[in-house]
Amino acid sequence: MAEPRRLSSLADEPAHVAAVEAGIVMRQAPLHAMVTLRGNAGDPVFLSGVREITGCDIPTDPCRAAMTTDHAVLWMGPDEWLVVAPPEAGTDLRQRLRDRLGDDRTAVVDVGDALAIISVGGPRARDLLAKGCTLDLHPRTFRPGHCANTLLAKAQVTLHQVDAAPTFSVFVSRSFAVYLWRWMLDAGLEYGVQVLQD
């Protein structure tokens, strides 16, 4: 039996006319493999197991993320992380973490079908996000490698600054993805918005 095809929650959104002088660059990120991971950050076996699977040293400081070229591990709470891997990792990511870490003192839950990722970048990206978010996004406070759970335009999101450009990954429930996408397009009109297609 063929495996069901995963469709993006933003697949039906029409392409937006690119602005000549775009201050905002948006794109829908590919459907990544994602799991919520819970465990003891003080357990060396847990830490080495996550490092072995992801290549990342798990962040133990609040609101921090660790990244390699393929994986990201975002701090979500004192004993909780969001692990993001390439789309081809699929459910294998969950199984590999379970096999390596065991089920006794860890929990691994697949959330890849529950979340959408919107990439927002460009010179006015901070201004756009600040319109709907109460976080202090100034570069001296929120820098590459920082992440936080917050509200954006009243939608619960996880915001992760990926680089200094700046580029942000916005993780949002699929049920709110279209709403948030359209809000960003509207809120970014004054800056000029370019939508990139994969």
N, C-alpha and C. Protein backbone atom coordinates (compact mmCIF):
# COMPACT_ATOMS: atom_id res chain seq x y z
N MET A 1 0.85 -1.18 0.00
CA MET A 1 0.00 0.00 0.00
C MET A 1 0.89 1.24 0.00
N ALA A 2 0.57 2.19 -0.88
CA ALA A 2 1.37 3.40 -0.99
C ALA A 2 1.20 4.27 0.24
N GLU A 3 2.31 4.90 0.67
CA GLU A 3 2.24 5.79 1.82
C GLU A 3 1.50 7.06 1.44
N PRO A 4 0.60 7.57 2.32
CA PRO A 4 -0.15 8.79 2.01
C PRO A 4 0.79 9.96 1.73
N ARG A 5 0.39 10.79 0.78
CA ARG A 5 1.20 11.96 0.42
C ARG A 5 0.93 13.07 1.41
N ARG A 6 2.00 13.66 1.96
CA ARG A 6 1.86 14.77 2.90
C ARG A 6 1.67 16.06 2.13
N LEU A 7 0.62 16.78 2.46
CA LEU A 7 0.34 18.05 1.81
C LEU A 7 0.52 19.19 2.80
N SER A 8 1.06 20.27 2.32
CA SER A 8 1.24 21.44 3.15
C SER A 8 -0.09 22.12 3.41
N SER A 9 -0.20 22.73 4.57
CA SER A 9 -1.41 23.50 4.88
C SER A 9 -1.49 24.77 4.06
N LEU A 10 -0.38 25.16 3.42
CA LEU A 10 -0.35 26.37 2.60
C LEU A 10 -0.30 26.06 1.11
N ALA A 11 -0.55 24.81 0.74
CA ALA A 11 -0.43 24.39 -0.66
C ALA A 11 -1.37 25.15 -1.58
N ASP A 12 -2.53 25.56 -1.10
CA ASP A 12 -3.51 26.23 -1.95
C ASP A 12 -3.41 27.75 -1.94
N GLU A 13 -2.45 28.29 -1.18
CA GLU A 13 -2.31 29.74 -1.14
C GLU A 13 -1.72 30.25 -2.45
N PRO A 14 -2.35 31.24 -3.07
CA PRO A 14 -1.83 31.74 -4.34
C PRO A 14 -0.49 32.45 -4.16
N ALA A 15 0.30 32.44 -5.22
CA ALA A 15 1.57 33.16 -5.18
C ALA A 15 1.29 34.65 -5.09
N HIS A 16 2.10 35.32 -4.32
CA HIS A 16 1.94 36.77 -4.12
C HIS A 16 2.85 37.49 -5.11
N VAL A 17 2.40 38.61 -5.64
CA VAL A 17 3.22 39.38 -6.56
C VAL A 17 4.44 39.90 -5.82
N ALA A 18 5.62 39.62 -6.38
CA ALA A 18 6.86 40.04 -5.72
C ALA A 18 7.03 41.55 -5.82
N ALA A 19 7.44 42.14 -4.73
CA ALA A 19 7.71 43.58 -4.73
C ALA A 19 9.10 43.82 -5.33
N VAL A 20 9.26 44.96 -6.01
CA VAL A 20 10.55 45.30 -6.60
C VAL A 20 11.58 45.52 -5.50
N GLU A 21 11.22 46.31 -4.49
CA GLU A 21 12.11 46.56 -3.35
C GLU A 21 11.52 45.87 -2.13
N ALA A 22 11.73 44.57 -2.03
CA ALA A 22 11.10 43.81 -0.96
C ALA A 22 11.88 43.95 0.34
N GLY A 23 11.19 44.41 1.39
CA GLY A 23 11.78 44.44 2.72
C GLY A 23 11.55 43.14 3.46
N ILE A 24 10.59 42.35 2.94
CA ILE A 24 10.22 41.07 3.55
C ILE A 24 10.32 39.99 2.48
N VAL A 25 10.95 38.89 2.81
CA VAL A 25 10.99 37.72 1.94
C VAL A 25 10.39 36.56 2.70
N MET A 26 9.32 35.99 2.15
CA MET A 26 8.62 34.89 2.82
C MET A 26 8.64 33.66 1.93
N ARG A 27 8.65 32.52 2.59
CA ARG A 27 8.44 31.27 1.85
C ARG A 27 7.93 30.23 2.82
N GLN A 28 7.20 29.31 2.25
CA GLN A 28 6.75 28.18 3.04
C GLN A 28 7.87 27.16 3.05
N ALA A 29 8.36 26.82 4.23
CA ALA A 29 9.44 25.84 4.32
C ALA A 29 8.91 24.46 3.97
N PRO A 30 9.78 23.58 3.45
CA PRO A 30 9.35 22.22 3.15
C PRO A 30 8.82 21.53 4.40
N LEU A 31 8.06 20.46 4.20
CA LEU A 31 7.53 19.68 5.31
C LEU A 31 8.67 18.90 5.96
N HIS A 32 9.10 19.37 7.11
CA HIS A 32 10.21 18.73 7.82
C HIS A 32 9.70 17.59 8.71
N ALA A 33 10.62 16.72 9.06
CA ALA A 33 10.36 15.76 10.13
C ALA A 33 10.56 16.51 11.44
N MET A 34 9.60 16.39 12.36
CA MET A 34 9.70 17.10 13.64
C MET A 34 9.19 16.21 14.76
N VAL A 35 9.90 16.22 15.87
CA VAL A 35 9.43 15.50 17.06
C VAL A 35 9.60 16.40 18.28
N THR A 36 8.70 16.22 19.22
CA THR A 36 8.87 16.80 20.54
C THR A 36 9.57 15.77 21.39
N LEU A 37 10.64 16.19 22.04
CA LEU A 37 11.47 15.28 22.83
C LEU A 37 11.48 15.75 24.27
N ARG A 38 11.24 14.81 25.19
CA ARG A 38 11.33 15.14 26.62
C ARG A 38 12.31 14.19 27.28
N GLY A 39 13.13 14.77 28.16
CA GLY A 39 14.12 13.96 28.85
C GLY A 39 14.87 14.79 29.87
N ASN A 40 15.86 14.18 30.49
CA ASN A 40 16.63 14.81 31.56
C ASN A 40 17.91 15.41 30.99
N ALA A 41 17.99 16.74 30.97
CA ALA A 41 19.16 17.42 30.42
C ALA A 41 20.41 17.20 31.25
N GLY A 42 20.26 16.67 32.46
CA GLY A 42 21.41 16.37 33.30
C GLY A 42 21.92 14.96 33.12
N ASP A 43 21.29 14.17 32.27
CA ASP A 43 21.66 12.77 32.06
C ASP A 43 22.63 12.68 30.88
N PRO A 44 23.89 12.31 31.13
CA PRO A 44 24.86 12.25 30.04
C PRO A 44 24.50 11.26 28.94
N VAL A 45 23.80 10.19 29.31
CA VAL A 45 23.37 9.20 28.30
C VAL A 45 22.35 9.83 27.36
N PHE A 46 21.43 10.61 27.92
CA PHE A 46 20.43 11.31 27.12
C PHE A 46 21.11 12.32 26.20
N LEU A 47 22.03 13.12 26.74
CA LEU A 47 22.71 14.14 25.96
C LEU A 47 23.51 13.52 24.81
N SER A 48 24.25 12.47 25.11
CA SER A 48 25.07 11.85 24.06
C SER A 48 24.20 11.16 23.02
N GLY A 49 23.06 10.62 23.43
CA GLY A 49 22.15 9.97 22.49
C GLY A 49 21.56 10.95 21.50
N VAL A 50 21.14 12.12 21.99
CA VAL A 50 20.60 13.15 21.10
C VAL A 50 21.68 13.65 20.16
N ARG A 51 22.89 13.84 20.69
CA ARG A 51 24.01 14.31 19.86
C ARG A 51 24.32 13.29 18.76
N GLU A 52 24.26 12.01 19.10
CA GLU A 52 24.55 10.96 18.13
C GLU A 52 23.55 10.98 16.97
N ILE A 53 22.29 11.21 17.26
CA ILE A 53 21.25 11.17 16.23
C ILE A 53 21.19 12.48 15.44
N THR A 54 21.35 13.61 16.10
CA THR A 54 21.13 14.91 15.45
C THR A 54 22.42 15.63 15.07
N GLY A 55 23.52 15.28 15.71
CA GLY A 55 24.75 16.03 15.50
C GLY A 55 24.82 17.31 16.31
N CYS A 56 23.77 17.58 17.11
CA CYS A 56 23.69 18.81 17.91
C CYS A 56 23.93 18.53 19.38
N ASP A 57 24.64 19.44 20.04
CA ASP A 57 24.66 19.42 21.50
C ASP A 57 23.36 20.05 21.95
N ILE A 58 22.57 19.32 22.68
CA ILE A 58 21.23 19.77 23.06
C ILE A 58 21.33 21.06 23.89
N PRO A 59 20.58 22.09 23.53
CA PRO A 59 20.66 23.34 24.30
C PRO A 59 20.00 23.18 25.67
N THR A 60 20.72 23.58 26.69
CA THR A 60 20.16 23.50 28.05
C THR A 60 19.83 24.87 28.61
N ASP A 61 20.31 25.92 27.96
CA ASP A 61 19.95 27.28 28.37
C ASP A 61 18.60 27.64 27.78
N PRO A 62 17.77 28.37 28.52
CA PRO A 62 16.44 28.75 28.01
C PRO A 62 16.53 29.55 26.71
N CYS A 63 15.56 29.28 25.84
CA CYS A 63 15.37 30.06 24.61
C CYS A 63 16.57 30.01 23.67
N ARG A 64 17.23 28.86 23.62
CA ARG A 64 18.36 28.69 22.72
C ARG A 64 18.08 27.51 21.78
N ALA A 65 18.75 27.54 20.63
CA ALA A 65 18.64 26.47 19.65
C ALA A 65 20.03 26.07 19.19
N ALA A 66 20.18 24.82 18.83
CA ALA A 66 21.43 24.32 18.27
C ALA A 66 21.12 23.83 16.86
N MET A 67 22.06 24.07 15.94
CA MET A 67 21.81 23.70 14.55
C MET A 67 23.03 23.06 13.91
N THR A 68 22.77 22.12 13.00
CA THR A 68 23.76 21.65 12.04
C THR A 68 23.17 21.96 10.67
N THR A 69 23.81 21.50 9.62
CA THR A 69 23.25 21.75 8.29
C THR A 69 21.93 21.01 8.09
N ASP A 70 21.73 19.90 8.81
CA ASP A 70 20.53 19.08 8.61
C ASP A 70 19.51 19.15 9.74
N HIS A 71 19.97 19.39 10.95
CA HIS A 71 19.09 19.30 12.12
C HIS A 71 19.08 20.60 12.92
N ALA A 72 18.00 20.77 13.65
CA ALA A 72 17.91 21.85 14.64
C ALA A 72 17.26 21.26 15.89
N VAL A 73 17.72 21.69 17.04
CA VAL A 73 17.13 21.30 18.33
C VAL A 73 16.81 22.58 19.08
N LEU A 74 15.52 22.83 19.31
CA LEU A 74 15.07 24.07 19.94
C LEU A 74 14.63 23.79 21.37
N TRP A 75 15.11 24.62 22.29
CA TRP A 75 14.71 24.52 23.70
C TRP A 75 13.26 24.99 23.82
N MET A 76 12.40 24.14 24.38
CA MET A 76 10.98 24.48 24.56
C MET A 76 10.59 24.61 26.02
N GLY A 77 11.42 24.07 26.90
CA GLY A 77 11.16 24.10 28.34
C GLY A 77 12.30 23.38 29.03
N PRO A 78 12.30 23.34 30.37
CA PRO A 78 13.42 22.74 31.11
C PRO A 78 13.72 21.30 30.73
N ASP A 79 12.70 20.55 30.29
CA ASP A 79 12.96 19.15 29.90
C ASP A 79 12.30 18.82 28.56
N GLU A 80 12.15 19.83 27.70
CA GLU A 80 11.46 19.61 26.42
C GLU A 80 12.16 20.35 25.29
N TRP A 81 12.27 19.68 24.13
CA TRP A 81 12.91 20.24 22.95
C TRP A 81 12.11 19.88 21.71
N LEU A 82 12.22 20.72 20.70
CA LEU A 82 11.67 20.41 19.38
C LEU A 82 12.84 20.06 18.49
N VAL A 83 12.81 18.85 17.93
CA VAL A 83 13.88 18.38 17.05
C VAL A 83 13.36 18.44 15.62
N VAL A 84 14.10 19.14 14.75
CA VAL A 84 13.69 19.33 13.36
C VAL A 84 14.74 18.70 12.46
N ALA A 85 14.29 17.89 11.50
CA ALA A 85 15.19 17.18 10.60
C ALA A 85 14.69 17.31 9.16
N PRO A 86 15.50 16.95 8.19
CA PRO A 86 15.07 17.05 6.80
C PRO A 86 13.81 16.22 6.54
N PRO A 87 13.02 16.62 5.53
CA PRO A 87 11.77 15.91 5.24
C PRO A 87 11.95 14.40 5.05
N GLU A 88 13.06 14.00 4.43
CA GLU A 88 13.25 12.58 4.15
C GLU A 88 13.45 11.74 5.41
N ALA A 89 13.72 12.39 6.56
CA ALA A 89 13.88 11.64 7.81
C ALA A 89 12.57 11.02 8.24
N GLY A 90 11.44 11.69 7.94
CA GLY A 90 10.12 11.15 8.23
C GLY A 90 9.99 10.60 9.64
N THR A 91 9.24 9.50 9.76
CA THR A 91 9.03 8.88 11.07
C THR A 91 10.28 8.17 11.56
N ASP A 92 11.27 8.01 10.68
CA ASP A 92 12.53 7.38 11.08
C ASP A 92 13.22 8.17 12.19
N LEU A 93 13.05 9.50 12.18
CA LEU A 93 13.65 10.33 13.23
C LEU A 93 13.12 9.92 14.59
N ARG A 94 11.81 9.79 14.70
CA ARG A 94 11.21 9.38 15.98
C ARG A 94 11.73 8.01 16.40
N GLN A 95 11.75 7.05 15.47
CA GLN A 95 12.15 5.70 15.81
C GLN A 95 13.61 5.63 16.21
N ARG A 96 14.47 6.38 15.51
CA ARG A 96 15.90 6.37 15.85
C ARG A 96 16.13 6.95 17.24
N LEU A 97 15.42 8.03 17.59
CA LEU A 97 15.56 8.60 18.93
C LEU A 97 15.03 7.63 19.98
N ARG A 98 13.91 7.00 19.71
CA ARG A 98 13.37 6.03 20.67
C ARG A 98 14.32 4.86 20.88
N ASP A 99 14.84 4.34 19.78
CA ASP A 99 15.74 3.19 19.88
C ASP A 99 17.00 3.56 20.65
N ARG A 100 17.52 4.76 20.43
CA ARG A 100 18.77 5.17 21.07
C ARG A 100 18.58 5.58 22.53
N LEU A 101 17.46 6.24 22.84
CA LEU A 101 17.25 6.79 24.18
C LEU A 101 16.44 5.87 25.09
N GLY A 102 15.65 4.99 24.52
CA GLY A 102 14.79 4.13 25.32
C GLY A 102 13.54 4.86 25.75
N ASP A 103 12.58 4.13 26.28
CA ASP A 103 11.29 4.71 26.67
C ASP A 103 11.15 4.92 28.17
N ASP A 104 12.15 4.50 28.94
CA ASP A 104 12.02 4.54 30.39
C ASP A 104 11.90 5.97 30.93
N ARG A 105 12.81 6.84 30.48
CA ARG A 105 12.82 8.20 31.04
C ARG A 105 12.76 9.28 29.97
N THR A 106 12.35 8.91 28.77
CA THR A 106 12.21 9.89 27.70
C THR A 106 10.87 9.71 27.00
N ALA A 107 10.44 10.77 26.32
CA ALA A 107 9.23 10.71 25.49
C ALA A 107 9.56 11.35 24.15
N VAL A 108 9.16 10.68 23.07
CA VAL A 108 9.40 11.18 21.71
C VAL A 108 8.07 11.13 20.98
N VAL A 109 7.58 12.29 20.57
CA VAL A 109 6.27 12.38 19.92
C VAL A 109 6.42 13.05 18.56
N ASP A 110 5.93 12.40 17.52
CA ASP A 110 6.00 12.94 16.16
C ASP A 110 5.00 14.08 16.02
N VAL A 111 5.49 15.28 15.65
CA VAL A 111 4.61 16.44 15.46
C VAL A 111 4.77 17.02 14.05
N GLY A 112 5.41 16.25 13.15
CA GLY A 112 5.67 16.73 11.80
C GLY A 112 4.43 17.07 11.01
N ASP A 113 3.33 16.37 11.28
CA ASP A 113 2.08 16.65 10.57
C ASP A 113 1.24 17.70 11.30
N ALA A 114 1.68 18.14 12.45
CA ALA A 114 0.89 19.10 13.24
C ALA A 114 1.35 20.54 13.02
N LEU A 115 2.59 20.71 12.56
CA LEU A 115 3.17 22.05 12.46
C LEU A 115 3.53 22.42 11.03
N ALA A 116 3.38 23.69 10.72
CA ALA A 116 3.89 24.26 9.47
C ALA A 116 5.02 25.21 9.84
N ILE A 117 5.93 25.43 8.90
CA ILE A 117 7.04 26.36 9.11
C ILE A 117 6.98 27.44 8.04
N ILE A 118 6.91 28.68 8.48
CA ILE A 118 6.97 29.82 7.58
C ILE A 118 8.31 30.50 7.79
N SER A 119 9.07 30.67 6.70
CA SER A 119 10.35 31.36 6.77
C SER A 119 10.14 32.83 6.42
N VAL A 120 10.62 33.71 7.30
CA VAL A 120 10.47 35.16 7.10
C VAL A 120 11.84 35.80 7.23
N GLY A 121 12.25 36.51 6.20
CA GLY A 121 13.55 37.17 6.24
C GLY A 121 13.48 38.54 5.59
N GLY A 122 14.64 39.13 5.41
CA GLY A 122 14.72 40.44 4.79
C GLY A 122 15.00 41.54 5.79
N PRO A 123 15.39 42.72 5.30
CA PRO A 123 15.78 43.81 6.20
C PRO A 123 14.68 44.32 7.11
N ARG A 124 13.41 44.07 6.76
CA ARG A 124 12.31 44.55 7.61
C ARG A 124 11.59 43.40 8.34
N ALA A 125 12.22 42.22 8.38
CA ALA A 125 11.59 41.06 9.01
C ALA A 125 11.27 41.32 10.48
N ARG A 126 12.20 41.95 11.21
CA ARG A 126 11.95 42.24 12.63
C ARG A 126 10.75 43.17 12.79
N ASP A 127 10.65 44.18 11.89
CA ASP A 127 9.54 45.12 11.97
C ASP A 127 8.21 44.42 11.75
N LEU A 128 8.19 43.50 10.78
CA LEU A 128 6.96 42.75 10.52
C LEU A 128 6.55 41.94 11.74
N LEU A 129 7.48 41.18 12.29
CA LEU A 129 7.16 40.32 13.44
C LEU A 129 6.76 41.15 14.66
N ALA A 130 7.40 42.31 14.82
CA ALA A 130 7.09 43.17 15.98
C ALA A 130 5.67 43.71 15.93
N LYS A 131 5.06 43.73 14.75
CA LYS A 131 3.67 44.21 14.65
C LYS A 131 2.70 43.30 15.41
N GLY A 132 3.04 42.01 15.50
CA GLY A 132 2.10 41.09 16.13
C GLY A 132 2.66 40.33 17.30
N CYS A 133 3.84 40.74 17.80
CA CYS A 133 4.54 39.96 18.82
C CYS A 133 5.10 40.90 19.88
N THR A 134 5.02 40.51 21.13
CA THR A 134 5.50 41.38 22.22
C THR A 134 6.95 41.11 22.60
N LEU A 135 7.60 40.14 21.97
CA LEU A 135 9.01 39.87 22.28
C LEU A 135 9.88 41.05 21.85
N ASP A 136 10.95 41.27 22.58
CA ASP A 136 11.95 42.24 22.16
C ASP A 136 12.84 41.55 21.13
N LEU A 137 12.68 41.93 19.85
CA LEU A 137 13.40 41.27 18.77
C LEU A 137 14.64 42.06 18.32
N HIS A 138 15.04 43.06 19.09
CA HIS A 138 16.23 43.83 18.74
C HIS A 138 17.43 42.89 18.71
N PRO A 139 18.36 43.09 17.74
CA PRO A 139 19.49 42.17 17.61
C PRO A 139 20.35 42.02 18.85
N ARG A 140 20.34 43.00 19.75
CA ARG A 140 21.15 42.84 20.97
C ARG A 140 20.48 41.88 21.95
N THR A 141 19.18 41.61 21.72
CA THR A 141 18.42 40.75 22.64
C THR A 141 18.07 39.40 22.03
N PHE A 142 17.65 39.40 20.78
CA PHE A 142 17.20 38.18 20.09
C PHE A 142 18.10 38.01 18.87
N ARG A 143 18.97 37.00 18.93
CA ARG A 143 20.02 36.84 17.93
C ARG A 143 19.95 35.46 17.28
N PRO A 144 20.79 35.21 16.26
CA PRO A 144 20.84 33.85 15.70
C PRO A 144 21.07 32.82 16.79
N GLY A 145 20.32 31.74 16.73
CA GLY A 145 20.41 30.71 17.76
C GLY A 145 19.46 30.90 18.91
N HIS A 146 18.65 31.97 18.88
CA HIS A 146 17.63 32.19 19.90
C HIS A 146 16.29 31.67 19.39
N CYS A 147 15.46 31.21 20.31
CA CYS A 147 14.11 30.77 19.98
C CYS A 147 13.21 31.06 21.18
N ALA A 148 11.92 31.18 20.91
CA ALA A 148 10.97 31.45 22.00
C ALA A 148 9.57 31.07 21.56
N ASN A 149 8.79 30.61 22.53
CA ASN A 149 7.36 30.41 22.32
C ASN A 149 6.67 31.73 22.62
N THR A 150 5.79 32.14 21.73
CA THR A 150 5.13 33.43 21.90
C THR A 150 3.83 33.46 21.10
N LEU A 151 3.14 34.58 21.17
CA LEU A 151 1.98 34.81 20.32
C LEU A 151 2.40 35.73 19.19
N LEU A 152 1.97 35.42 17.99
CA LEU A 152 2.18 36.28 16.83
C LEU A 152 0.82 36.46 16.17
N ALA A 153 0.33 37.70 16.20
CA ALA A 153 -1.01 38.00 15.68
C ALA A 153 -2.04 37.07 16.33
N LYS A 154 -1.87 36.83 17.61
CA LYS A 154 -2.74 36.02 18.46
C LYS A 154 -2.67 34.52 18.17
N ALA A 155 -1.74 34.10 17.34
CA ALA A 155 -1.52 32.67 17.08
C ALA A 155 -0.31 32.20 17.88
N GLN A 156 -0.43 31.04 18.51
CA GLN A 156 0.69 30.47 19.27
C GLN A 156 1.75 29.99 18.30
N VAL A 157 2.98 30.48 18.45
CA VAL A 157 4.07 30.09 17.54
C VAL A 157 5.34 29.84 18.34
N THR A 158 6.28 29.18 17.69
CA THR A 158 7.66 29.13 18.15
C THR A 158 8.48 29.90 17.13
N LEU A 159 9.20 30.89 17.59
CA LEU A 159 9.99 31.76 16.73
C LEU A 159 11.46 31.40 16.91
N HIS A 160 12.15 31.15 15.80
CA HIS A 160 13.56 30.76 15.84
C HIS A 160 14.34 31.64 14.87
N GLN A 161 15.32 32.39 15.36
CA GLN A 161 16.15 33.18 14.46
C GLN A 161 17.26 32.28 13.94
N VAL A 162 17.26 32.10 12.63
CA VAL A 162 18.17 31.15 11.99
C VAL A 162 19.53 31.78 11.68
N ASP A 163 19.52 33.04 11.23
CA ASP A 163 20.78 33.68 10.86
C ASP A 163 20.69 35.18 11.12
N ALA A 164 21.78 35.88 10.81
CA ALA A 164 21.85 37.31 11.10
C ALA A 164 21.26 38.18 9.99
N ALA A 165 20.75 37.59 8.94
CA ALA A 165 20.27 38.35 7.78
C ALA A 165 19.26 39.47 8.10
N PRO A 166 18.23 39.31 8.92
CA PRO A 166 17.87 38.13 9.70
C PRO A 166 16.85 37.26 8.96
N THR A 167 16.91 35.96 9.25
CA THR A 167 15.89 35.03 8.80
C THR A 167 15.32 34.33 10.02
N PHE A 168 14.00 34.24 10.07
CA PHE A 168 13.30 33.58 11.18
C PHE A 168 12.50 32.40 10.64
N SER A 169 12.48 31.32 11.39
CA SER A 169 11.54 30.23 11.15
C SER A 169 10.40 30.39 12.14
N VAL A 170 9.18 30.41 11.63
CA VAL A 170 8.00 30.54 12.48
C VAL A 170 7.26 29.21 12.43
N PHE A 171 7.26 28.50 13.56
CA PHE A 171 6.56 27.22 13.67
C PHE A 171 5.15 27.50 14.18
N VAL A 172 4.15 27.04 13.44
CA VAL A 172 2.76 27.32 13.81
C VAL A 172 1.91 26.10 13.53
N SER A 173 0.86 25.92 14.31
CA SER A 173 -0.08 24.83 14.07
C SER A 173 -0.62 24.93 12.65
N ARG A 174 -0.76 23.80 11.98
CA ARG A 174 -1.27 23.80 10.61
C ARG A 174 -2.64 24.48 10.51
N SER A 175 -3.44 24.36 11.56
CA SER A 175 -4.77 24.95 11.51
C SER A 175 -4.74 26.48 11.52
N PHE A 176 -3.61 27.06 11.96
CA PHE A 176 -3.46 28.52 11.97
C PHE A 176 -2.53 29.02 10.86
N ALA A 177 -1.96 28.11 10.06
CA ALA A 177 -0.93 28.50 9.10
C ALA A 177 -1.45 29.45 8.03
N VAL A 178 -2.60 29.16 7.46
CA VAL A 178 -3.14 30.03 6.40
C VAL A 178 -3.47 31.41 6.97
N TYR A 179 -4.08 31.43 8.16
CA TYR A 179 -4.39 32.70 8.81
C TYR A 179 -3.12 33.53 9.02
N LEU A 180 -2.08 32.89 9.55
CA LEU A 180 -0.84 33.62 9.85
C LEU A 180 -0.14 34.06 8.57
N TRP A 181 -0.13 33.21 7.56
CA TRP A 181 0.47 33.55 6.27
C TRP A 181 -0.19 34.81 5.70
N ARG A 182 -1.51 34.82 5.69
CA ARG A 182 -2.24 35.97 5.14
C ARG A 182 -2.03 37.22 5.98
N TRP A 183 -1.96 37.05 7.30
CA TRP A 183 -1.68 38.20 8.17
C TRP A 183 -0.32 38.79 7.84
N MET A 184 0.68 37.93 7.65
CA MET A 184 2.03 38.41 7.32
C MET A 184 2.05 39.14 5.98
N LEU A 185 1.37 38.59 5.00
CA LEU A 185 1.31 39.27 3.70
C LEU A 185 0.71 40.66 3.84
N ASP A 186 -0.38 40.76 4.60
CA ASP A 186 -1.04 42.05 4.78
C ASP A 186 -0.17 43.01 5.61
N ALA A 187 0.38 42.49 6.71
CA ALA A 187 1.18 43.34 7.60
C ALA A 187 2.47 43.79 6.93
N GLY A 188 2.94 43.04 5.95
CA GLY A 188 4.20 43.38 5.29
C GLY A 188 4.06 44.26 4.07
N LEU A 189 2.83 44.63 3.70
CA LEU A 189 2.63 45.42 2.48
C LEU A 189 3.42 46.71 2.47
N GLU A 190 3.49 47.38 3.61
CA GLU A 190 4.19 48.67 3.63
C GLU A 190 5.70 48.52 3.41
N TYR A 191 6.23 47.31 3.63
CA TYR A 191 7.67 47.08 3.47
C TYR A 191 8.00 46.48 2.10
N GLY A 192 6.99 45.97 1.42
CA GLY A 192 7.20 45.21 0.19
C GLY A 192 7.46 43.76 0.53
N VAL A 193 6.69 42.86 -0.08
CA VAL A 193 6.81 41.43 0.24
C VAL A 193 7.16 40.65 -1.03
N GLN A 194 8.14 39.79 -0.90
CA GLN A 194 8.46 38.86 -1.98
C GLN A 194 8.23 37.45 -1.44
N VAL A 195 7.47 36.65 -2.20
CA VAL A 195 7.23 35.27 -1.81
C VAL A 195 8.05 34.37 -2.70
N LEU A 196 8.91 33.58 -2.11
CA LEU A 196 9.73 32.62 -2.86
C LEU A 196 9.02 31.29 -2.94
N GLN A 197 9.09 30.67 -4.07
CA GLN A 197 8.49 29.36 -4.27
C GLN A 197 9.60 28.31 -4.28
N ASP A 198 9.37 27.19 -3.59
CA ASP A 198 10.37 26.09 -3.63
C ASP A 198 10.22 25.29 -4.90
